[in-house]
């Protein structure tokens, strides 16, 4: 499942997207969501703190397995109301062969709040 090539952007455009590493500290079912999702609370360290995210990842992940998981998220989008829940960050992932989201993670130790570059 591949998307068409995107428009070329400048490095300055890329710098506007603030992608940070965080740790999931809380995860709840989100039955009010239109599409199956979890409510996540992600700790991005002292500078940013804990932010909330609605993530449509129920096909590949079990709620209890998400606690402690390291994830990448865009932290500078405007908050978005998803039903009764305010999503503050966009948790990032890639589609698998079925189109289900596979979360982006890190393979080595890095501090919460670290910015992607």
Protein backbone atom coordinates (compact mmCIF):
# COMPACT_ATOMS: atom_id res chain seq x y z
CA UNK A 1 0.00 0.00 0.00
CA UNK A 2 1.99 2.98 -1.19
CA UNK A 3 1.01 6.58 -1.58
CA UNK A 4 1.97 8.74 -4.53
CA UNK A 5 5.08 10.86 -4.15
CA UNK A 6 4.43 14.02 -2.17
CA UNK A 7 5.24 17.58 -3.15
CA UNK A 8 8.86 18.57 -2.47
CA UNK A 9 9.28 20.73 0.64
CA UNK A 10 12.17 22.76 1.98
CA UNK A 11 14.18 21.88 5.08
CA UNK A 12 12.56 24.90 6.76
CA UNK A 13 9.13 23.33 6.08
CA UNK A 14 10.30 20.06 7.68
CA UNK A 15 11.58 21.97 10.72
CA UNK A 16 8.04 23.24 11.34
CA UNK A 17 6.86 19.69 12.11
CA UNK A 18 7.81 18.97 15.71
CA UNK A 19 8.11 15.17 16.05
CA UNK A 20 9.06 13.95 19.52
CA UNK A 21 9.71 10.66 21.27
CA UNK A 22 7.50 9.73 24.20
CA UNK A 23 6.43 6.87 26.44
CA UNK A 24 2.83 5.71 26.73
CA UNK A 25 1.93 6.01 30.42
CA UNK A 26 -1.81 5.31 30.17
CA UNK A 27 -4.08 3.69 27.61
CA UNK A 28 -7.87 3.32 27.64
CA UNK A 29 -10.50 1.87 25.36
CA UNK A 30 -12.32 4.55 23.33
CA UNK A 31 -15.80 3.13 22.58
CA UNK A 32 -17.18 6.57 21.61
CA UNK A 33 -14.81 6.89 18.64
CA UNK A 34 -16.33 6.36 15.17
CA UNK A 35 -13.47 4.03 14.21
CA UNK A 36 -11.96 1.65 16.78
CA UNK A 37 -9.29 3.52 18.76
CA UNK A 38 -7.46 3.85 22.05
CA UNK A 39 -7.03 6.96 24.17
CA UNK A 40 -3.33 7.33 24.94
CA UNK A 41 -1.49 9.50 27.44
CA UNK A 42 2.11 9.95 26.29
CA UNK A 43 4.92 11.40 28.42
CA UNK A 44 7.23 13.62 26.35
CA UNK A 45 9.50 14.58 29.23
CA UNK A 46 9.83 17.67 31.37
CA UNK A 47 9.67 20.31 28.60
CA UNK A 48 6.40 19.10 27.01
CA UNK A 49 4.84 16.87 29.68
CA UNK A 50 2.07 14.32 29.20
CA UNK A 51 -0.16 14.80 26.14
CA UNK A 52 -3.26 12.92 24.99
CA UNK A 53 -3.78 11.18 21.65
CA UNK A 54 -6.55 9.19 20.00
CA UNK A 55 -4.91 6.36 18.06
CA UNK A 56 -6.61 3.96 15.63
CA UNK A 57 -4.30 1.07 16.46
CA UNK A 58 -6.71 -1.53 17.88
CA UNK A 59 -6.11 -4.02 15.06
CA UNK A 60 -2.41 -4.48 15.89
CA UNK A 61 -2.15 -3.64 19.59
CA UNK A 62 -3.67 -4.68 22.92
CA UNK A 63 -4.28 -1.87 25.41
CA UNK A 64 -2.19 -3.41 28.21
CA UNK A 65 0.81 -3.86 25.88
CA UNK A 66 0.89 -0.14 25.09
CA UNK A 67 1.93 0.98 28.58
CA UNK A 68 5.67 1.71 28.52
CA UNK A 69 5.85 1.59 24.73
CA UNK A 70 8.03 4.27 23.11
CA UNK A 71 6.26 6.13 20.29
CA UNK A 72 6.83 9.07 17.97
CA UNK A 73 4.24 11.83 17.68
CA UNK A 74 3.74 15.26 16.13
CA UNK A 75 3.37 17.55 19.15
CA UNK A 76 2.67 20.88 17.44
CA UNK A 77 -0.64 20.22 15.67
CA UNK A 78 -3.68 22.09 16.94
CA UNK A 79 -5.65 19.95 19.42
CA UNK A 80 -8.52 18.05 17.79
CA UNK A 81 -11.81 17.07 19.40
CA UNK A 82 -12.51 13.37 18.79
CA UNK A 83 -15.96 12.74 20.26
CA UNK A 84 -15.70 13.54 23.98
CA UNK A 85 -11.86 13.37 23.93
CA UNK A 86 -9.41 16.15 23.08
CA UNK A 87 -6.47 14.71 21.11
CA UNK A 88 -3.41 16.92 21.58
CA UNK A 89 -0.77 15.07 19.52
CA UNK A 90 -0.69 12.83 16.43
CA UNK A 91 0.83 9.43 17.18
CA UNK A 92 2.76 8.25 14.12
CA UNK A 93 2.78 4.91 12.33
CA UNK A 94 2.90 3.19 8.97
CA UNK A 95 0.26 0.97 7.34
CA UNK A 96 0.92 -2.76 7.21
CA UNK A 97 -0.16 -4.92 4.24
CA UNK A 98 -3.78 -4.75 5.48
CA UNK A 99 -3.73 -0.99 6.05
CA UNK A 100 -3.59 -1.33 9.85
CA UNK A 101 -1.30 1.06 11.71
CA UNK A 102 2.12 -0.13 12.92
CA UNK A 103 3.54 2.38 15.40
CA UNK A 104 6.88 4.08 14.83
CA UNK A 105 9.31 3.22 17.60
CA UNK A 106 13.03 3.45 18.42
CA UNK A 107 15.52 0.60 18.64
CA UNK A 108 17.92 2.21 21.14
CA UNK A 109 17.64 4.24 24.32
CA UNK A 110 16.74 7.91 23.85
CA UNK A 111 15.16 10.36 26.30
CA UNK A 112 11.47 11.24 26.27
CA UNK A 113 10.97 14.52 24.49
CA UNK A 114 13.84 13.98 22.06
CA UNK A 115 13.13 15.74 18.78
CA UNK A 116 13.37 13.88 15.47
CA UNK A 117 15.83 15.28 12.95
